[in-house]
Protein backbone atom coordinates (compact mmCIF):
# COMPACT_ATOMS: atom_id res chain seq x y z
CA MET A 1 108.64 112.08 155.44
CA HIS A 2 107.40 115.25 157.19
CA GLY A 3 106.15 117.91 154.65
CA ILE A 4 106.53 115.31 151.66
CA THR A 5 110.05 116.85 151.00
CA SER A 6 110.99 120.29 150.21
CA TYR A 7 111.72 119.65 146.54
CA VAL A 8 108.51 118.25 145.65
CA PHE A 9 106.53 120.90 147.13
CA LEU A 10 108.73 123.64 145.81
CA VAL A 11 108.51 122.45 142.16
CA THR A 12 104.86 121.56 142.39
CA ILE A 13 104.12 125.16 143.99
CA ALA A 14 106.14 126.80 141.19
CA PHE A 15 104.50 124.72 138.45
CA SER A 16 100.90 125.41 139.80
CA ILE A 17 101.63 129.24 139.62
CA ILE A 18 102.90 129.05 136.29
CA SER A 19 99.92 126.97 135.32
CA PHE A 20 97.43 129.43 136.72
CA SER A 21 99.16 132.52 134.98
CA TYR A 22 98.85 130.45 131.78
CA TYR A 23 94.78 129.81 132.14
CA LEU A 24 94.11 133.03 133.42
CA ILE A 25 96.12 134.91 130.60
CA ASN A 26 94.72 132.97 127.79
CA SER A 27 91.14 132.90 129.15
CA ILE A 28 91.11 136.66 129.60
CA SER A 29 92.99 137.69 126.35
CA SER A 30 90.94 135.21 124.25
CA LEU A 31 87.73 136.72 125.49
CA LYS A 32 88.89 140.26 124.97
CA LEU A 33 89.94 139.83 121.30
CA LYS A 34 87.81 141.84 119.09
CA ASP A 35 87.62 141.96 115.27
CA ASN A 36 89.56 144.60 113.59
CA LYS A 37 87.14 146.50 111.80
CA LYS A 38 89.55 148.05 109.40
CA ARG A 39 89.16 146.31 105.98
CA ILE A 40 91.82 146.34 103.15
CA GLU A 41 90.02 146.72 99.78
CA ASN A 42 93.07 146.47 97.48
CA TYR A 43 92.45 142.82 96.25
CA THR A 44 89.56 140.84 95.08
CA TYR A 45 88.70 137.08 94.52
CA GLN A 46 90.49 137.22 91.13
CA ASP A 47 93.74 137.65 92.94
CA VAL A 48 93.43 134.25 94.65
CA THR A 49 94.20 130.64 93.54
CA ILE A 50 92.60 128.04 95.60
CA MET A 51 94.61 124.81 95.57
CA VAL A 52 93.16 121.47 97.13
CA PRO A 53 95.66 118.54 97.27
CA VAL A 54 93.47 115.17 97.19
CA TYR A 55 94.45 111.62 98.02
CA ASN A 56 91.84 108.71 98.26
CA GLU A 57 89.34 111.26 99.63
CA ASN A 58 85.68 110.14 100.28
CA GLU A 59 83.64 111.16 97.15
CA LYS A 60 81.01 112.88 99.01
CA ILE A 61 83.23 114.62 101.18
CA PHE A 62 85.58 115.82 98.32
CA ARG A 63 82.28 116.96 96.49
CA ASN A 64 81.11 119.07 99.39
CA CYS A 65 84.50 120.65 99.62
CA ILE A 66 84.69 121.66 95.83
CA LYS A 67 81.13 122.85 95.95
CA SER A 68 82.00 125.31 98.65
CA LEU A 69 85.06 126.44 96.94
CA ALA A 70 83.42 127.05 93.76
CA SER A 71 81.20 129.49 95.33
CA GLN A 72 84.12 131.69 96.09
CA LYS A 73 84.62 132.38 92.37
CA SER A 74 88.47 132.23 92.49
CA LYS A 75 90.50 130.10 90.37
CA LEU A 76 90.24 126.65 91.59
CA LEU A 77 93.12 124.24 91.29
CA VAL A 78 92.83 120.57 92.30
CA ILE A 79 96.18 118.27 92.65
CA GLY A 80 95.39 114.73 92.47
CA ASP A 81 98.13 112.86 94.51
CA SER A 82 98.11 109.81 92.35
CA SER A 83 94.43 109.78 92.70
CA LEU A 84 92.53 110.56 89.44
CA GLU A 85 88.81 109.52 89.51
CA PRO A 86 86.13 110.84 90.56
CA TYR A 87 88.10 113.77 91.61
CA LYS A 88 89.04 115.10 88.01
CA THR A 89 85.22 114.71 87.13
CA ILE A 90 83.89 116.36 90.04
CA THR A 91 86.62 119.15 89.89
CA GLU A 92 85.75 119.93 86.32
CA GLU A 93 81.90 119.92 87.07
CA TYR A 94 82.43 122.87 89.29
CA GLY A 95 84.75 124.70 86.78
CA GLY A 96 88.07 123.83 88.40
CA ASN A 97 91.43 122.67 86.79
CA PHE A 98 92.54 119.31 87.71
CA ILE A 99 96.24 118.27 87.52
CA HIS A 100 96.98 114.53 87.98
CA GLN A 101 100.39 113.81 89.83
CA HIS A 102 101.16 110.12 89.00
CA GLU A 103 103.68 109.87 91.87
CA HIS A 104 102.23 109.75 95.54
CA LYS A 105 104.23 112.60 97.23
CA GLY A 106 102.29 113.49 100.28
CA LYS A 107 100.48 116.79 101.25
CA ARG A 108 103.88 118.58 101.29
CA GLY A 109 105.08 117.38 97.83
CA THR A 110 101.82 117.85 96.26
CA ILE A 111 101.25 121.41 97.09
CA SER A 112 104.88 122.26 96.36
CA ASN A 113 104.45 120.96 92.78
CA GLY A 114 101.08 122.83 92.65
CA MET A 115 102.90 126.01 93.19
CA LEU A 116 104.52 125.84 89.80
CA HIS A 117 100.93 126.65 88.40
CA VAL A 118 99.90 129.58 90.69
CA LYS A 119 100.33 132.89 88.92
CA THR A 120 98.21 135.05 91.07
CA LYS A 121 98.98 137.19 93.99
CA PHE A 122 97.59 134.94 96.67
CA VAL A 123 97.21 131.16 97.03
CA MET A 124 94.81 129.47 99.32
CA PHE A 125 95.39 125.96 100.55
CA VAL A 126 92.22 124.05 101.43
CA ASP A 127 92.13 120.31 102.49
CA SER A 128 89.88 117.82 100.61
CA ASP A 129 87.77 117.36 103.68
CA THR A 130 87.11 120.87 104.57
CA SER A 131 83.98 123.17 103.40
CA VAL A 132 84.46 126.76 103.25
CA PRO A 133 81.67 129.21 103.92
CA ASP A 134 80.35 131.93 101.27
CA GLY A 135 82.57 135.00 101.23
CA ALA A 136 85.50 133.59 102.85
CA VAL A 137 88.03 134.68 100.26
CA THR A 138 86.75 138.09 100.36
CA SER A 139 87.03 138.20 104.08
CA MET A 140 90.45 136.63 104.32
CA LEU A 141 91.79 139.12 101.73
CA SER A 142 90.59 142.12 103.84
CA LYS A 143 93.03 140.96 106.52
CA PHE A 144 96.19 141.49 104.56
CA GLU A 145 97.82 144.58 105.71
CA ASN A 146 101.36 145.29 104.58
CA ASN A 147 102.98 143.26 107.44
CA VAL A 148 100.38 140.29 107.27
CA GLY A 149 101.96 137.20 105.30
CA GLY A 150 99.25 134.71 105.94
CA VAL A 151 95.77 134.42 106.97
CA GLY A 152 94.04 131.32 108.43
CA THR A 153 90.51 130.84 109.81
CA ALA A 154 88.53 129.33 112.57
CA VAL A 155 87.88 125.65 112.46
CA SER A 156 84.90 123.78 113.55
CA ALA A 157 84.27 119.93 113.37
CA GLU A 158 81.36 118.67 111.53
CA ILE A 159 78.99 117.61 114.34
CA LYS A 160 76.91 114.39 114.32
CA LYS A 161 74.98 113.56 117.26
CA SER A 162 75.59 109.70 116.98
CA SER A 163 79.38 110.41 116.70
CA ARG A 164 81.14 111.00 120.11
CA ILE A 165 84.39 111.72 118.13
CA SER A 166 82.84 114.61 116.45
CA TYR A 167 82.20 116.38 119.91
CA CYS A 168 85.77 115.40 120.93
CA SER A 169 87.33 116.92 117.71
CA GLU A 170 85.07 120.11 118.32
CA PHE A 171 86.51 120.62 121.88
CA PHE A 172 89.90 120.14 120.62
CA GLU A 173 89.24 122.81 117.78
CA LYS A 174 87.71 125.39 120.33
CA LEU A 175 90.75 124.71 122.76
CA LYS A 176 93.09 125.65 120.12
CA GLU A 177 91.10 128.68 119.30
CA VAL A 178 91.09 129.93 122.81
CA MET A 179 94.99 129.69 122.73
CA PHE A 180 95.33 131.22 119.35
CA ARG A 181 92.92 134.23 119.93
CA SER A 182 95.23 134.98 123.01
CA MET A 183 98.30 134.65 120.87
CA LEU A 184 96.70 136.88 118.22
CA MET A 185 96.18 139.63 120.92
CA TYR A 186 100.05 139.93 121.14
CA GLY A 187 101.11 139.34 117.48
CA SER A 188 101.17 136.24 115.57
CA VAL A 189 99.88 132.82 115.88
CA MET A 190 102.37 129.66 115.94
CA VAL A 191 100.64 128.01 112.88
CA LEU A 192 98.06 128.83 110.26
CA ASP A 193 95.93 125.48 110.16
CA GLY A 194 96.54 123.63 106.96
CA ARG A 195 92.96 122.75 106.34
CA CYS A 196 92.35 126.59 105.26
CA ALA A 197 95.04 129.34 104.81
CA MET A 198 95.79 132.02 102.57
CA TYR A 199 99.53 133.30 101.69
CA ARG A 200 101.12 135.89 99.67
CA THR A 201 102.32 134.04 96.58
CA ASP A 202 105.68 136.03 96.14
CA LEU A 203 106.39 135.42 99.89
CA VAL A 204 105.88 131.73 99.91
CA LYS A 205 106.47 130.49 96.27
CA ASP A 206 110.33 130.22 96.03
CA PHE A 207 110.41 128.90 99.59
CA MET A 208 107.83 126.12 98.76
CA LEU A 209 109.77 125.10 95.58
CA SER A 210 113.18 124.86 97.56
CA ASP A 211 114.72 121.78 98.63
CA THR A 212 114.65 123.12 102.12
CA TYR A 213 110.74 122.73 102.25
CA ILE A 214 110.22 119.73 99.62
CA ASN A 215 112.96 117.44 101.60
CA ASN A 216 112.30 118.94 104.92
CA ARG A 217 114.44 116.74 107.52
CA ILE A 218 113.94 115.95 111.15
CA PHE A 219 116.90 114.05 112.69
CA GLY A 220 118.32 113.56 109.39
CA ARG A 221 115.23 111.77 108.05
CA LYS A 222 113.08 113.23 105.24
CA SER A 223 109.75 114.46 106.93
CA ILE A 224 106.27 115.25 105.55
CA LEU A 225 104.87 116.23 109.12
CA ALA A 226 103.66 119.74 109.66
CA GLU A 227 103.93 121.41 106.31
CA ASP A 228 101.71 124.06 107.82
CA ARG A 229 103.89 124.73 110.73
CA HIS A 230 106.76 124.93 108.52
CA LEU A 231 105.25 127.50 106.23
CA THR A 232 103.98 129.65 108.93
CA SER A 233 107.42 129.77 110.93
CA TYR A 234 108.93 130.83 107.38
CA ILE A 235 106.58 133.89 107.02
CA ILE A 236 107.27 134.82 110.53
CA ASN A 237 110.88 134.54 110.44
CA SER A 238 110.74 136.72 107.13
CA GLY A 239 109.27 139.71 109.18
CA TYR A 240 105.62 138.88 108.67
CA LYS A 241 102.69 138.17 110.76
CA ALA A 242 100.39 135.36 110.71
CA VAL A 243 96.80 136.05 111.57
CA ILE A 244 93.47 134.50 111.80
CA ASP A 245 90.24 135.62 110.44
CA TYR A 246 87.48 134.85 112.92
CA ASN A 247 84.92 135.98 110.77
CA VAL A 248 85.21 132.67 108.69
CA THR A 249 84.92 129.51 110.33
CA VAL A 250 85.46 126.31 108.06
CA VAL A 251 84.09 122.91 108.61
CA THR A 252 86.16 119.85 108.63
CA VAL A 253 85.27 116.18 108.98
CA PRO A 254 86.53 114.47 112.00
CA GLN A 255 88.41 111.20 112.17
CA LYS A 256 86.05 107.87 112.19
CA ASN A 257 87.15 106.45 115.67
CA LEU A 258 89.49 107.23 118.71
CA LYS A 259 92.49 105.26 117.15
CA LEU A 260 92.66 107.47 114.13
CA MET A 261 92.09 110.55 116.16
CA PHE A 262 94.91 109.49 118.87
CA LYS A 263 97.34 108.89 115.94
CA GLN A 264 96.48 112.24 114.37
CA MET A 265 97.29 113.90 117.82
CA VAL A 266 100.58 111.93 118.02
CA ARG A 267 101.53 113.20 114.67
CA TRP A 268 100.77 116.70 115.44
CA SER A 269 102.67 116.27 118.64
CA ARG A 270 105.73 115.06 116.96
CA ALA A 271 105.87 117.80 114.62
CA GLY A 272 104.92 120.27 117.33
CA TYR A 273 108.05 119.12 119.66
CA PHE A 274 110.26 119.16 116.73
CA TYR A 275 109.45 122.79 115.76
CA PHE A 276 109.53 123.89 119.59
CA PHE A 277 113.04 122.57 120.28
CA ASN A 278 114.09 123.93 116.75
CA GLU A 279 112.75 127.31 117.21
CA LEU A 280 113.95 127.63 120.88
CA PHE A 281 117.52 126.64 120.08
CA ASN A 282 117.78 128.99 117.15
CA GLY A 283 116.61 131.95 119.18
CA ALA A 284 113.48 132.32 117.09
CA TYR A 285 111.28 132.65 120.21
CA PHE A 286 113.11 135.71 121.65
CA LYS A 287 112.40 137.82 118.33
CA ARG A 288 108.63 136.85 118.61
CA GLY A 289 107.95 138.51 122.07
CA ILE A 290 107.65 137.44 125.50
CA PHE A 291 104.10 136.06 125.46
CA TYR A 292 104.80 133.95 122.52
CA SER A 293 107.75 132.51 124.12
CA PHE A 294 105.62 131.97 127.37
CA GLU A 295 102.82 130.47 125.49
CA MET A 296 104.82 127.86 123.50
CA THR A 297 107.34 127.00 126.61
CA TYR A 298 104.23 126.08 128.75
CA MET A 299 102.52 124.21 126.04
CA TYR A 300 105.18 121.98 125.10
CA LEU A 301 106.85 121.75 128.68
CA PHE A 302 103.46 120.71 130.46
CA PRO A 303 103.68 117.04 129.61
CA ILE A 304 107.32 117.02 130.60
CA ALA A 305 106.68 118.82 134.01
CA LEU A 306 103.93 116.22 134.66
CA ILE A 307 106.37 113.26 134.00
CA PHE A 308 109.10 114.95 136.18
CA LEU A 309 106.69 115.63 139.10
CA GLY A 310 105.22 111.85 138.76
CA LEU A 311 108.68 110.47 138.90
CA MET A 312 109.47 112.65 142.00
CA ARG A 313 106.56 111.12 143.75
CA LEU A 314 107.51 107.50 142.79
CA ASN A 315 110.70 108.31 144.42
CA LEU A 316 108.90 109.42 147.58
CA ILE A 317 107.08 106.15 147.43
CA PHE A 318 110.00 103.92 146.55
CA MET A 319 111.88 105.63 149.72
CA HIS A 320 109.10 105.42 152.20
CA GLY A 321 106.73 102.75 150.94
CA ILE A 322 103.29 103.16 149.29
CA GLY A 323 101.49 102.92 152.66
CA ASN A 324 103.34 105.28 154.34
CA TYR A 325 102.79 107.72 151.53
CA ILE A 326 99.08 107.33 151.27
CA ALA A 327 98.91 107.65 155.04
CA PHE A 328 100.63 110.89 154.99
CA GLU A 329 98.54 112.21 152.00
CA ALA A 330 95.37 111.10 153.85
CA ARG A 331 96.09 112.48 157.15
CA HIS A 332 96.72 115.86 155.54
CA THR A 333 93.58 115.72 153.51
CA VAL A 334 91.48 114.96 156.72
CA SER A 335 93.38 118.03 158.24
CA LEU A 336 92.58 120.25 155.26
CA LEU A 337 88.80 119.12 155.15
CA SER A 338 88.46 119.85 158.74
CA LEU A 339 90.20 123.24 158.38
CA ASN A 340 92.85 122.34 160.97
CA PHE A 341 95.36 124.56 159.58
CA ALA A 342 97.92 123.94 162.39
CA ALA A 343 97.92 120.30 161.75
CA LEU A 344 98.35 121.10 158.06
CA GLY A 345 101.70 122.88 158.44
CA HIS A 346 102.72 125.90 156.50
CA ASN A 347 103.97 124.16 153.31
CA PHE A 348 101.07 121.83 152.80
CA PHE A 349 98.85 124.78 153.46
CA LEU A 350 100.58 126.87 150.72
CA TYR A 351 100.57 123.86 148.36
CA THR A 352 96.85 123.57 148.95
CA MET A 353 96.01 127.09 148.30
CA VAL A 354 98.06 127.06 144.93
CA GLN A 355 96.32 124.08 143.78
CA ALA A 356 92.91 125.67 144.42
CA LEU A 357 94.32 128.73 142.33
CA VAL A 358 94.99 126.10 139.43
CA ILE A 359 91.32 124.78 139.64
CA LEU A 360 90.08 128.40 139.56
CA GLY A 361 92.33 128.92 136.31
CA LEU A 362 91.06 125.83 134.72
CA ALA A 363 87.42 126.87 135.55
CA LEU A 364 88.18 130.31 133.73
CA PHE A 365 89.62 128.28 130.90
CA GLY A 366 86.63 126.21 130.41
CA ILE A 367 84.24 129.22 130.35
CA ALA A 368 86.48 130.63 127.68
CA ILE A 369 86.33 127.48 125.72
CA ALA A 370 82.53 127.17 126.34
CA SER A 371 82.11 130.65 125.00
CA ARG A 372 83.56 129.34 121.51
CA ILE A 373 81.11 126.41 121.15
CA ALA A 374 77.95 126.83 119.33
CA LYS A 375 74.59 126.81 121.37
CA GLY A 376 72.90 123.46 121.66
CA ARG A 377 76.25 121.58 121.86
CA LYS A 378 78.02 123.02 124.61
CA LEU A 379 77.33 120.44 127.42
CA ARG A 380 78.02 117.34 125.22
CA THR A 381 81.12 119.03 123.77
CA LEU A 382 82.57 120.04 127.35
CA VAL A 383 81.73 116.46 128.80
CA TYR A 384 83.53 114.76 125.92
CA GLY A 385 86.21 117.50 126.53
CA ILE A 386 87.46 115.60 129.52
CA ALA A 387 88.26 112.65 127.57
CA THR A 388 89.95 114.75 124.78
CA LEU A 389 92.20 116.36 127.45
CA LEU A 390 93.34 112.90 128.68
CA MET A 391 94.05 111.72 124.89
CA MET A 392 96.00 114.92 124.18
CA LEU A 393 97.99 114.39 127.23
CA VAL A 394 99.04 110.89 126.50
CA ALA A 395 99.42 111.68 122.65
CA SER A 396 101.75 114.70 123.55
CA MET A 397 103.94 112.23 126.03
CA TYR A 398 103.82 109.55 123.33
CA GLY A 399 104.82 111.98 120.64
CA LEU A 400 107.71 113.55 122.69
CA PHE A 401 109.31 110.13 123.36
CA THR A 402 108.79 108.93 119.57
CA ILE A 403 109.69 112.39 118.00
CA TRP A 404 112.02 110.90 115.38
CA LYS A 405 109.30 108.81 113.68
CA GLN A 406 107.63 110.15 110.73
CA ASN A 407 104.25 108.94 109.66
CA GLU A 408 102.64 109.05 106.04
CA TRP A 409 99.71 111.38 105.15
CA MET A 410 96.93 109.97 107.10
CA THR A 411 93.37 109.39 105.48
CA ARG A 412 90.24 108.44 107.28
């Protein structure tokens, strides 16, 4: 078992170098991204319809959402997905229009139905558990250059000191922000988060009313997953950019417990893998640039690579016995700690140095994430982030192996 076998080393070293590159590029690019000071003044809040689909939402959370949207002064349209009161009363209290949809259609079907009532140049989708800051509409409109088809926002979780889940959710949001800021440096992001995003109506309306969107199918089964990813892919494939206005941060309510958060991550993972494979095989990645392709490939192949490396190591254990394998690893670890490079051997020394690079890359990535977290909550968010990363990894693997399953629209 000398050298632990060339194949394990070569694969591990190659993957480690790729991982270091991924962490380094994302960290530096996300920190370098600066707000484009150019402002487009061609549109006003009157050019926007804000649409909110609601299904059995908590009354207090829904009220906070509608109150924040009423301050934008745009036309407000709430679609009750088989839900009527108290949502109708609250909507009308704040000057909005309420449409009661008797049949439960899920978010995808509900916002598609709502598009029949949109007459403005822009439509903004907001989830019923999301609060939007003052001036959000005006700021997002200023990002609509001629080649921009959709604009998203930064997202933060509502933090409660007594809620560990809120810190886990905040870490997850800031992790995504680092990756999305990096992608934005080189063009478009992969998805405009459905919790708050604005689109050109004439670009998306016909598509959202089409059977392709309404009856989206994955592996032959109708899917309600990832309507925002589907919409973003459509505008990018239509030749437009999807950008994010980081001057606007919306606040969303996290899930109540780890079980619901894990289910949410699995749902996102299933949809993510479908669109990854779909866009990879139809050649969409090559049209979106080298960095976009690299980012997406690493993001979705990382769990697969870990599984592969794990299986290779299990094979070594099966061939040589767990006792011999552990003794071999321990012997080389002692040699490393004592700086006995001659005893380590060339391959293991190279392997160890590359692993050190990965640790360095992770540290830089952690600094980039920390820079996005508000003061006073950095430490707790980063500590809970370790648990979040493990949950994300397990959810991603589980989502990959259950990609054909389709879940209903989740509520807390």
